[in-house]
N, C-alpha and C. Protein backbone atom coordinates (compact mmCIF):
# COMPACT_ATOMS: atom_id res chain seq x y z
N GLN A 1 -18.17 -12.06 0.58
CA GLN A 1 -19.15 -11.29 1.22
C GLN A 1 -20.34 -11.72 0.87
N TYR A 2 -21.33 -11.49 1.72
CA TYR A 2 -22.67 -11.96 1.56
C TYR A 2 -23.42 -10.91 0.78
N LYS A 3 -24.62 -11.20 -0.20
CA LYS A 3 -25.22 -10.16 -0.63
C LYS A 3 -26.71 -10.18 -0.32
N GLY A 4 -27.47 -9.38 -0.33
CA GLY A 4 -28.83 -9.21 0.20
C GLY A 4 -29.20 -7.96 0.80
N GLU A 5 -30.65 -7.75 0.95
CA GLU A 5 -31.07 -6.65 1.47
C GLU A 5 -30.35 -5.98 2.75
N GLY A 6 -30.13 -7.13 3.77
CA GLY A 6 -29.44 -6.78 4.95
C GLY A 6 -27.87 -6.62 4.97
N ALA A 7 -27.32 -6.63 3.73
CA ALA A 7 -25.93 -6.58 3.84
C ALA A 7 -25.26 -5.10 3.54
N ASN A 8 -25.96 -4.20 3.68
CA ASN A 8 -25.78 -2.90 3.44
C ASN A 8 -24.62 -2.38 4.42
N GLY A 9 -23.90 -1.55 3.88
CA GLY A 9 -22.97 -0.65 4.65
C GLY A 9 -23.31 0.60 4.91
N ARG A 10 -22.75 1.39 5.77
CA ARG A 10 -23.05 2.77 6.12
C ARG A 10 -22.05 3.75 6.60
N ILE A 11 -21.95 4.80 6.06
CA ILE A 11 -21.09 5.86 6.66
C ILE A 11 -21.41 6.49 7.95
N VAL A 12 -20.65 6.13 8.92
CA VAL A 12 -21.04 6.61 10.34
C VAL A 12 -20.13 7.99 10.87
N HIS A 13 -19.17 8.27 10.12
CA HIS A 13 -18.62 9.55 10.51
C HIS A 13 -17.88 10.07 9.12
N PHE A 14 -17.62 11.38 8.83
CA PHE A 14 -16.83 11.87 7.80
C PHE A 14 -16.60 13.34 8.02
N GLN A 15 -15.37 13.69 7.59
CA GLN A 15 -14.89 14.90 7.81
C GLN A 15 -14.05 15.39 6.82
N ALA A 16 -14.02 16.67 6.14
CA ALA A 16 -13.00 16.99 5.19
C ALA A 16 -12.59 18.24 5.69
N GLY A 17 -11.31 18.30 5.25
CA GLY A 17 -10.71 19.93 5.39
C GLY A 17 -9.33 19.99 4.44
N PRO A 18 -8.65 20.99 4.40
CA PRO A 18 -7.66 21.28 3.49
C PRO A 18 -6.39 20.33 3.46
N ASP A 19 -6.30 19.81 4.46
CA ASP A 19 -5.03 18.93 4.56
C ASP A 19 -5.38 17.46 5.21
N PHE A 20 -6.53 17.17 5.54
CA PHE A 20 -7.06 15.93 6.32
C PHE A 20 -8.31 15.76 5.81
N ASP A 21 -8.60 14.20 5.36
CA ASP A 21 -9.78 13.81 5.37
C ASP A 21 -10.15 12.54 6.09
N ALA A 22 -11.24 12.32 6.66
CA ALA A 22 -11.32 11.06 7.38
C ALA A 22 -12.83 10.48 7.05
N VAL A 23 -12.98 9.13 6.89
CA VAL A 23 -14.30 8.47 6.88
C VAL A 23 -14.17 7.14 7.77
N VAL A 24 -15.45 6.81 8.22
CA VAL A 24 -15.80 5.74 8.83
C VAL A 24 -16.71 5.01 8.40
N GLY A 25 -16.72 3.82 7.87
CA GLY A 25 -17.76 3.04 7.39
C GLY A 25 -18.03 1.79 8.36
N ASP A 26 -19.34 1.32 8.44
CA ASP A 26 -19.75 -0.05 9.14
C ASP A 26 -20.15 -0.88 8.03
N ALA A 27 -19.43 -2.00 7.99
CA ALA A 27 -19.82 -3.00 6.79
C ALA A 27 -20.17 -4.33 7.71
N SER A 28 -20.45 -4.21 8.88
CA SER A 28 -20.93 -5.35 9.86
C SER A 28 -21.90 -6.19 9.18
N HIS A 29 -22.98 -5.70 8.73
CA HIS A 29 -24.01 -6.53 8.10
C HIS A 29 -23.57 -7.23 6.89
N ALA A 30 -22.41 -6.90 6.10
CA ALA A 30 -22.27 -7.80 4.82
C ALA A 30 -21.48 -8.89 4.90
N TYR A 31 -21.18 -9.25 6.26
CA TYR A 31 -20.70 -10.63 6.47
C TYR A 31 -21.41 -11.52 7.23
N GLY A 32 -22.62 -11.25 7.23
CA GLY A 32 -23.54 -12.35 7.92
C GLY A 32 -23.36 -12.58 9.21
N ASP A 33 -23.35 -13.88 9.48
CA ASP A 33 -22.97 -14.25 11.00
C ASP A 33 -21.51 -14.58 10.97
N ARG A 34 -20.66 -14.20 10.15
CA ARG A 34 -19.32 -14.38 10.17
C ARG A 34 -18.33 -13.47 10.99
N LEU A 35 -19.23 -12.28 10.88
CA LEU A 35 -18.42 -11.13 11.61
C LEU A 35 -19.54 -10.33 12.61
N THR A 36 -19.21 -10.00 13.68
CA THR A 36 -19.92 -9.19 14.44
C THR A 36 -19.77 -7.73 14.37
N ARG A 37 -18.66 -7.47 13.86
CA ARG A 37 -18.23 -6.07 13.68
C ARG A 37 -17.10 -5.84 12.39
N PHE A 38 -17.38 -5.00 11.66
CA PHE A 38 -16.58 -4.54 10.49
C PHE A 38 -16.45 -3.25 10.41
N ARG A 39 -15.86 -2.25 10.94
CA ARG A 39 -15.71 -0.88 10.73
C ARG A 39 -14.48 -0.60 10.14
N ARG A 40 -14.53 0.22 9.20
CA ARG A 40 -13.04 0.62 8.43
C ARG A 40 -13.14 2.01 8.60
N TYR A 41 -11.78 2.68 9.02
CA TYR A 41 -11.70 3.88 9.28
C TYR A 41 -10.70 4.37 8.14
N VAL A 42 -10.71 5.34 7.50
CA VAL A 42 -9.72 5.76 6.48
C VAL A 42 -9.40 7.11 6.90
N ALA A 43 -7.98 7.55 7.12
CA ALA A 43 -7.51 9.03 7.26
C ALA A 43 -6.71 9.36 6.01
N TYR A 44 -6.80 10.52 5.35
CA TYR A 44 -6.10 10.77 4.35
C TYR A 44 -5.34 12.22 4.58
N LEU A 45 -3.90 11.97 4.80
CA LEU A 45 -3.02 13.17 5.00
C LEU A 45 -2.63 13.51 3.67
N LYS A 46 -3.23 14.56 3.22
CA LYS A 46 -3.05 15.30 1.75
C LYS A 46 -1.44 15.49 1.88
N PRO A 47 -0.70 15.30 0.73
CA PRO A 47 -1.39 14.85 -0.54
C PRO A 47 -0.93 13.37 -0.75
N ASP A 48 -0.47 12.64 0.21
CA ASP A 48 0.11 11.21 -0.16
C ASP A 48 0.07 10.14 0.68
N VAL A 49 -0.45 10.48 1.97
CA VAL A 49 -0.24 9.28 2.93
C VAL A 49 -1.76 8.92 3.51
N PHE A 50 -2.22 7.56 3.35
CA PHE A 50 -3.52 7.03 3.90
C PHE A 50 -3.08 6.13 5.07
N LEU A 51 -4.17 6.34 6.04
CA LEU A 51 -3.88 5.15 7.06
C LEU A 51 -5.43 4.61 7.15
N VAL A 52 -5.13 3.22 7.07
CA VAL A 52 -6.53 2.52 6.96
C VAL A 52 -6.56 1.49 8.31
N LEU A 53 -7.60 1.77 8.87
CA LEU A 53 -7.81 0.81 10.21
C LEU A 53 -9.06 0.33 10.04
N ASP A 54 -8.94 -1.27 10.16
CA ASP A 54 -10.23 -2.25 10.07
C ASP A 54 -10.24 -2.96 11.54
N ASP A 55 -11.46 -2.57 12.12
CA ASP A 55 -11.73 -2.94 13.47
C ASP A 55 -12.44 -4.11 13.16
N LEU A 56 -12.15 -5.44 13.49
CA LEU A 56 -13.18 -6.55 13.14
C LEU A 56 -13.13 -7.42 14.43
N GLU A 57 -14.31 -7.96 14.53
CA GLU A 57 -14.49 -8.90 15.63
C GLU A 57 -15.55 -9.93 15.15
N ALA A 58 -15.29 -11.25 15.41
CA ALA A 58 -16.11 -12.50 15.05
C ALA A 58 -16.77 -12.97 16.43
N PRO A 59 -17.78 -13.95 16.10
CA PRO A 59 -18.30 -14.67 17.35
C PRO A 59 -17.49 -15.59 17.98
N ASP A 60 -16.70 -15.90 17.37
CA ASP A 60 -15.60 -16.84 17.90
C ASP A 60 -14.13 -16.63 17.54
N PRO A 61 -13.22 -16.98 18.18
CA PRO A 61 -11.95 -16.94 17.56
C PRO A 61 -11.41 -17.19 16.17
N ALA A 62 -10.97 -16.54 15.55
CA ALA A 62 -11.10 -16.89 13.91
C ALA A 62 -9.61 -16.41 13.31
N THR A 63 -9.20 -16.80 12.32
CA THR A 63 -7.99 -16.28 11.58
C THR A 63 -8.47 -15.09 10.69
N PHE A 64 -8.08 -13.75 10.95
CA PHE A 64 -8.24 -12.84 10.23
C PHE A 64 -7.15 -12.57 9.19
N ASP A 65 -7.72 -12.13 7.85
CA ASP A 65 -6.77 -11.73 6.96
C ASP A 65 -7.09 -10.05 6.48
N TRP A 66 -6.13 -9.34 6.52
CA TRP A 66 -6.17 -7.93 5.63
C TRP A 66 -5.73 -8.13 4.12
N LEU A 67 -6.57 -7.94 3.24
CA LEU A 67 -6.26 -8.28 2.16
C LEU A 67 -5.98 -7.08 1.12
N ALA A 68 -5.11 -7.10 0.26
CA ALA A 68 -4.62 -6.04 -0.95
C ALA A 68 -4.67 -7.01 -2.36
N HIS A 69 -5.11 -6.49 -3.20
CA HIS A 69 -4.97 -6.99 -4.60
C HIS A 69 -4.13 -6.07 -5.48
N SER A 70 -3.34 -6.58 -6.37
CA SER A 70 -2.63 -5.77 -7.38
C SER A 70 -2.02 -6.57 -8.57
N TYR A 71 -1.92 -5.88 -9.64
CA TYR A 71 -1.30 -6.43 -10.93
C TYR A 71 -0.07 -6.06 -11.04
N GLY A 72 0.55 -5.17 -10.05
CA GLY A 72 1.81 -4.80 -9.94
C GLY A 72 2.85 -5.66 -9.52
N GLU A 73 3.96 -5.16 -9.79
CA GLU A 73 5.34 -5.94 -9.08
C GLU A 73 5.15 -5.75 -7.60
N ILE A 74 5.19 -6.72 -6.87
CA ILE A 74 5.11 -6.81 -5.29
C ILE A 74 6.16 -7.52 -4.68
N THR A 75 6.86 -6.43 -3.93
CA THR A 75 7.97 -6.98 -3.11
C THR A 75 7.69 -6.73 -1.47
N ILE A 76 7.96 -7.81 -0.77
CA ILE A 76 7.77 -7.94 0.66
C ILE A 76 9.10 -7.66 1.27
N ALA A 77 9.23 -6.58 2.17
CA ALA A 77 10.42 -6.49 2.80
C ALA A 77 10.09 -6.21 4.48
N GLY A 78 9.98 -7.28 5.46
CA GLY A 78 9.69 -7.12 6.51
C GLY A 78 8.03 -6.52 6.54
N ARG A 79 7.85 -5.59 7.40
CA ARG A 79 6.50 -4.85 7.62
C ARG A 79 6.20 -4.03 6.44
N ASP A 80 6.98 -3.89 5.42
CA ASP A 80 6.89 -3.15 4.20
C ASP A 80 6.61 -3.83 3.12
N VAL A 81 5.55 -3.61 2.17
CA VAL A 81 5.27 -3.91 0.71
C VAL A 81 5.39 -2.93 -0.18
N HIS A 82 6.05 -3.17 -1.24
CA HIS A 82 6.30 -2.42 -2.39
C HIS A 82 5.41 -2.86 -3.52
N ILE A 83 4.82 -1.94 -4.06
CA ILE A 83 3.95 -2.42 -5.05
C ILE A 83 4.24 -1.32 -6.32
N ARG A 84 4.89 -2.06 -7.38
CA ARG A 84 5.41 -1.08 -8.32
C ARG A 84 4.72 -1.34 -9.88
N LYS A 85 4.32 -0.28 -10.55
CA LYS A 85 3.96 -0.38 -11.91
C LYS A 85 4.45 0.80 -12.62
N PRO A 86 4.63 0.70 -13.99
CA PRO A 86 5.48 1.65 -14.63
C PRO A 86 5.49 2.88 -14.23
N LYS A 87 4.33 3.58 -13.99
CA LYS A 87 4.02 5.02 -13.72
C LYS A 87 3.63 5.18 -12.17
N ALA A 88 3.66 4.18 -11.40
CA ALA A 88 3.11 4.54 -10.19
C ALA A 88 3.84 3.48 -9.07
N GLY A 89 3.68 4.03 -7.90
CA GLY A 89 4.26 3.09 -6.63
C GLY A 89 3.36 3.27 -5.78
N LEU A 90 3.52 2.23 -4.77
CA LEU A 90 2.63 2.36 -3.22
C LEU A 90 3.38 1.49 -2.48
N LEU A 91 3.59 2.19 -1.26
CA LEU A 91 4.23 1.39 -0.14
C LEU A 91 3.25 1.17 0.95
N MET A 92 3.10 -0.03 1.29
CA MET A 92 1.99 -0.40 2.49
C MET A 92 3.11 -0.83 3.66
N ARG A 93 2.60 -0.29 4.78
CA ARG A 93 3.43 -0.43 5.92
C ARG A 93 2.41 -1.00 7.22
N ALA A 94 2.63 -2.29 7.50
CA ALA A 94 1.82 -3.09 8.46
C ALA A 94 2.16 -2.22 9.76
N LEU A 95 1.32 -1.71 10.73
CA LEU A 95 1.42 -1.06 11.60
C LEU A 95 0.94 -1.79 12.91
N TRP A 96 -0.06 -2.34 12.59
CA TRP A 96 -0.85 -3.24 13.80
C TRP A 96 -1.67 -4.18 13.17
N PRO A 97 -1.84 -5.45 13.89
CA PRO A 97 -1.15 -5.81 15.04
C PRO A 97 0.29 -5.98 14.77
N THR A 98 0.91 -5.80 15.95
CA THR A 98 2.59 -5.89 15.66
C THR A 98 3.16 -7.41 15.42
N ASP A 99 2.25 -8.37 15.55
CA ASP A 99 2.75 -9.75 15.30
C ASP A 99 2.33 -10.29 13.88
N ALA A 100 1.75 -9.20 13.20
CA ALA A 100 1.35 -9.74 11.78
C ALA A 100 2.40 -9.75 10.90
N SER A 101 2.27 -10.60 9.91
CA SER A 101 3.12 -10.84 8.82
C SER A 101 2.51 -10.87 7.42
N TRP A 102 3.02 -10.39 6.44
CA TRP A 102 2.56 -10.51 4.95
C TRP A 102 2.73 -11.58 4.48
N HIS A 103 1.71 -12.00 3.70
CA HIS A 103 1.96 -13.35 2.73
C HIS A 103 1.49 -12.99 1.30
N LEU A 104 2.23 -13.45 0.44
CA LEU A 104 1.74 -13.24 -1.06
C LEU A 104 1.26 -14.58 -1.54
N GLU A 105 0.02 -14.51 -1.79
CA GLU A 105 -0.75 -15.68 -2.40
C GLU A 105 -1.33 -15.34 -3.83
N ARG A 106 -1.60 -16.52 -4.47
CA ARG A 106 -2.57 -16.53 -5.60
C ARG A 106 -3.80 -16.56 -5.39
N THR A 107 -4.69 -15.56 -6.04
CA THR A 107 -6.28 -15.53 -5.76
C THR A 107 -6.69 -16.88 -6.27
N PRO A 108 -7.67 -17.23 -5.49
CA PRO A 108 -8.29 -18.62 -6.03
C PRO A 108 -9.10 -18.37 -7.32
N PRO A 109 -9.20 -19.37 -8.27
CA PRO A 109 -9.86 -19.05 -9.58
C PRO A 109 -11.12 -18.71 -9.31
N ASP A 110 -11.65 -17.77 -10.42
CA ASP A 110 -12.96 -16.93 -10.36
C ASP A 110 -13.94 -18.34 -10.85
N SER A 111 -15.08 -17.68 -10.87
CA SER A 111 -16.30 -18.69 -11.49
C SER A 111 -16.14 -19.23 -12.65
N ASN A 112 -15.30 -18.62 -13.62
CA ASN A 112 -15.16 -19.02 -15.06
C ASN A 112 -13.73 -19.93 -14.79
N GLY A 113 -13.18 -20.37 -13.80
CA GLY A 113 -11.85 -20.88 -13.61
C GLY A 113 -10.79 -20.30 -14.04
N GLU A 114 -10.89 -19.01 -14.22
CA GLU A 114 -9.64 -18.15 -14.44
C GLU A 114 -8.88 -17.75 -13.36
N ARG A 115 -7.41 -17.59 -13.22
CA ARG A 115 -6.73 -17.16 -12.15
C ARG A 115 -6.78 -15.65 -12.28
N LEU A 116 -6.82 -14.84 -11.31
CA LEU A 116 -6.85 -13.49 -10.98
C LEU A 116 -5.41 -13.19 -10.83
N PHE A 117 -5.37 -11.90 -10.32
CA PHE A 117 -4.05 -11.36 -9.76
C PHE A 117 -3.80 -11.93 -8.48
N LYS A 118 -2.46 -11.51 -8.06
CA LYS A 118 -2.11 -12.05 -6.86
C LYS A 118 -2.60 -11.30 -5.73
N HIS A 119 -2.62 -11.73 -4.49
CA HIS A 119 -3.12 -10.95 -3.43
C HIS A 119 -2.00 -10.93 -2.25
N LEU A 120 -2.10 -10.04 -1.39
CA LEU A 120 -1.51 -9.81 -0.28
C LEU A 120 -2.24 -10.29 1.06
N ALA A 121 -1.90 -11.01 1.97
CA ALA A 121 -2.73 -11.24 3.18
C ALA A 121 -1.62 -10.60 4.41
N LEU A 122 -2.27 -9.78 5.21
CA LEU A 122 -1.55 -9.45 6.37
C LEU A 122 -2.24 -10.10 7.40
N ARG A 123 -1.61 -11.24 7.91
CA ARG A 123 -2.14 -12.36 9.03
C ARG A 123 -1.51 -12.19 10.32
N PRO A 124 -2.31 -11.98 11.27
CA PRO A 124 -1.72 -12.07 12.58
C PRO A 124 -1.21 -13.54 13.16
N ALA A 125 -0.46 -13.67 14.11
CA ALA A 125 0.24 -15.07 14.41
C ALA A 125 -0.71 -15.89 14.69
N GLU A 126 -1.88 -15.44 15.78
CA GLU A 126 -2.67 -16.28 16.35
C GLU A 126 -4.18 -15.85 16.06
N LYS A 127 -4.87 -16.95 16.09
CA LYS A 127 -6.32 -16.63 15.94
C LYS A 127 -7.01 -15.65 17.22
N ALA A 128 -7.80 -14.94 16.93
CA ALA A 128 -8.42 -13.89 18.27
C ALA A 128 -9.84 -13.81 17.76
N ARG A 129 -10.63 -13.49 18.66
CA ARG A 129 -12.15 -13.06 18.58
C ARG A 129 -12.24 -11.63 17.75
N SER A 130 -11.19 -10.65 18.02
CA SER A 130 -11.08 -9.39 17.58
C SER A 130 -9.88 -9.07 17.27
N VAL A 131 -9.54 -8.28 16.08
CA VAL A 131 -8.36 -7.65 15.90
C VAL A 131 -8.59 -6.21 15.16
N PRO A 132 -7.82 -5.34 15.55
CA PRO A 132 -7.67 -4.04 14.51
C PRO A 132 -6.20 -4.14 13.83
N PHE A 133 -6.63 -3.92 12.41
CA PHE A 133 -5.51 -3.72 11.47
C PHE A 133 -5.25 -2.31 11.21
N LEU A 134 -4.17 -2.05 11.26
CA LEU A 134 -3.75 -0.62 10.88
C LEU A 134 -2.58 -0.72 9.83
N VAL A 135 -2.78 -0.08 8.73
CA VAL A 135 -1.72 0.00 7.64
C VAL A 135 -1.70 1.23 6.94
N ALA A 136 -0.49 1.75 6.71
CA ALA A 136 -0.06 2.99 6.22
C ALA A 136 -0.06 2.91 4.80
N LEU A 137 -0.38 3.55 3.86
CA LEU A 137 -0.42 3.55 2.36
C LEU A 137 0.46 4.96 2.25
N PHE A 138 1.51 4.69 1.43
CA PHE A 138 2.40 5.90 0.87
C PHE A 138 2.25 5.79 -0.47
N VAL A 139 1.55 6.65 -1.14
CA VAL A 139 1.48 6.99 -2.63
C VAL A 139 2.59 7.32 -3.34
N SER A 140 3.18 6.58 -4.23
CA SER A 140 4.14 6.94 -5.20
C SER A 140 5.48 7.34 -4.39
N PRO A 141 5.89 6.58 -3.37
CA PRO A 141 7.23 7.02 -2.67
C PRO A 141 8.59 6.83 -3.84
N LEU A 142 8.96 7.70 -4.18
CA LEU A 142 10.12 7.63 -5.11
C LEU A 142 11.20 6.88 -4.29
N ASP A 143 11.64 7.25 -3.44
CA ASP A 143 12.75 6.35 -2.81
C ASP A 143 12.25 5.16 -1.86
N GLY A 144 10.97 5.05 -1.95
CA GLY A 144 10.48 3.60 -1.23
C GLY A 144 10.40 3.67 0.07
N ALA A 145 10.90 4.80 0.65
CA ALA A 145 10.76 4.64 2.31
C ALA A 145 9.77 5.16 2.92
N GLY A 146 8.74 5.86 2.48
CA GLY A 146 7.64 6.51 3.30
C GLY A 146 8.22 7.37 4.25
N VAL A 147 7.36 7.73 5.44
CA VAL A 147 7.95 8.54 6.45
C VAL A 147 7.59 7.56 7.69
N PRO A 148 8.21 8.04 8.95
CA PRO A 148 8.01 7.43 9.97
C PRO A 148 6.83 7.43 10.62
N VAL A 149 6.25 6.49 11.05
CA VAL A 149 4.87 6.49 11.82
C VAL A 149 4.98 5.62 13.14
N GLU A 150 4.43 6.18 14.20
CA GLU A 150 4.69 5.75 15.53
C GLU A 150 2.98 5.34 15.89
N VAL A 151 2.70 4.16 16.50
CA VAL A 151 1.47 3.71 16.98
C VAL A 151 1.40 3.38 18.49
N GLU A 152 0.34 3.85 18.97
CA GLU A 152 0.01 3.55 20.42
C GLU A 152 -1.36 3.01 20.60
N GLU A 153 -1.45 1.93 21.27
CA GLU A 153 -2.97 1.54 21.55
C GLU A 153 -3.20 1.84 23.02
N ASN A 154 -4.21 2.43 23.25
CA ASN A 154 -4.78 3.02 24.59
C ASN A 154 -6.19 2.47 24.64
N GLY A 155 -6.45 1.34 25.11
CA GLY A 155 -7.78 0.95 25.36
C GLY A 155 -8.58 0.78 23.71
N GLU A 156 -9.79 1.80 23.77
CA GLU A 156 -10.50 1.89 22.57
C GLU A 156 -10.07 2.80 21.52
N ARG A 157 -8.64 3.32 21.90
CA ARG A 157 -8.15 4.39 20.74
C ARG A 157 -6.91 3.64 20.31
N MET A 158 -6.53 4.13 19.04
CA MET A 158 -5.16 3.97 18.47
C MET A 158 -4.74 5.27 18.17
N LEU A 159 -3.68 5.79 18.72
CA LEU A 159 -2.91 7.06 18.61
C LEU A 159 -1.85 6.77 17.73
N VAL A 160 -1.99 7.67 16.48
CA VAL A 160 -0.98 7.42 15.48
C VAL A 160 -0.07 8.65 15.27
N SER A 161 1.14 8.79 15.43
CA SER A 161 1.88 9.88 14.96
C SER A 161 2.71 9.82 13.53
N VAL A 162 2.48 10.60 12.55
CA VAL A 162 3.00 10.62 11.38
C VAL A 162 4.07 11.81 11.34
N GLN A 163 5.47 11.47 10.91
CA GLN A 163 6.34 12.51 10.68
C GLN A 163 6.24 12.89 9.35
N ARG A 164 6.03 14.31 9.24
CA ARG A 164 5.91 15.04 7.75
C ARG A 164 7.14 16.01 7.66
N GLY A 165 8.13 15.72 7.36
CA GLY A 165 9.19 16.85 7.34
C GLY A 165 9.38 17.22 8.94
N GLU A 166 9.46 18.50 9.18
CA GLU A 166 9.55 19.05 10.39
C GLU A 166 8.26 18.97 11.26
N GLU A 167 7.12 18.60 10.76
CA GLU A 167 5.94 18.36 11.49
C GLU A 167 5.58 17.13 11.84
N THR A 168 4.99 16.69 12.88
CA THR A 168 4.56 15.44 13.57
C THR A 168 3.07 15.77 13.36
N VAL A 169 2.25 14.98 12.65
CA VAL A 169 0.82 15.05 12.59
C VAL A 169 0.22 13.91 13.64
N ALA A 170 -0.61 14.29 14.56
CA ALA A 170 -1.00 13.16 15.49
C ALA A 170 -2.48 12.92 15.09
N LEU A 171 -2.97 11.36 15.05
CA LEU A 171 -4.14 11.44 14.85
C LEU A 171 -4.81 10.39 15.96
N GLU A 172 -5.98 10.38 16.22
CA GLU A 172 -6.63 9.52 17.04
C GLU A 172 -7.74 8.69 16.62
N PHE A 173 -7.64 7.38 16.36
CA PHE A 173 -8.74 6.67 16.07
C PHE A 173 -9.39 6.04 17.05
N ASP A 174 -10.82 6.59 17.23
CA ASP A 174 -11.50 6.21 18.64
C ASP A 174 -12.51 5.10 18.07
N LEU A 175 -12.36 3.81 18.45
CA LEU A 175 -13.03 2.75 18.11
C LEU A 175 -14.24 2.78 18.75
N ALA A 176 -14.64 3.34 19.99
CA ALA A 176 -15.69 3.46 20.81
C ALA A 176 -16.74 4.37 20.03
N GLN A 177 -16.04 5.64 19.83
CA GLN A 177 -17.11 6.64 19.37
C GLN A 177 -17.04 6.54 17.94
N ARG A 178 -16.25 5.80 17.13
CA ARG A 178 -16.31 5.75 15.62
C ARG A 178 -16.13 6.89 14.99
N THR A 179 -14.95 7.62 15.61
CA THR A 179 -14.25 8.87 14.75
C THR A 179 -12.81 8.78 14.60
N VAL A 180 -12.40 9.64 13.73
CA VAL A 180 -10.98 10.05 13.56
C VAL A 180 -10.70 11.42 13.92
N GLU A 181 -9.64 11.75 14.54
CA GLU A 181 -9.60 13.21 14.95
C GLU A 181 -8.17 13.48 14.64
N ARG A 182 -7.83 14.78 14.32
CA ARG A 182 -6.44 15.23 14.05
C ARG A 182 -6.13 16.23 15.32
């Protein structure tokens, strides 16, 4: 990431409620001329489900990676990644793009020559000029299964349905309006 006066991000949408919070941030300027758009949408379905959508665009076709870092034990199982530590767990499920796959890699050495923790890269199959990444995060799923999530792309909208017991929670990520609605 670039640093400097023009590299500031900003919050463009925020809402909070008793069972649902959402925020949209724009970090496009943090990447200089490497990206023309980087907006992150985070929806929190209380108490234990997060949906993270990164809307990315580059000036030319590029290889995009959605990264996650952890010191925990990491297991990849298809579109799911389990991260386990002694007292906590996280299940990450890749929802979009559908052709993306997880890769477990070592972080390059830092400026002192020390290796840091491992990182996960969610990588689409082909280069593209733009890509939306959508990942569900299930906090401490004891059974490791998470809950069913359905996704439909509809132009500038990502429609997401999350099954919570008997209830289906429907969310709309509107990329044009930069909002998340329940």
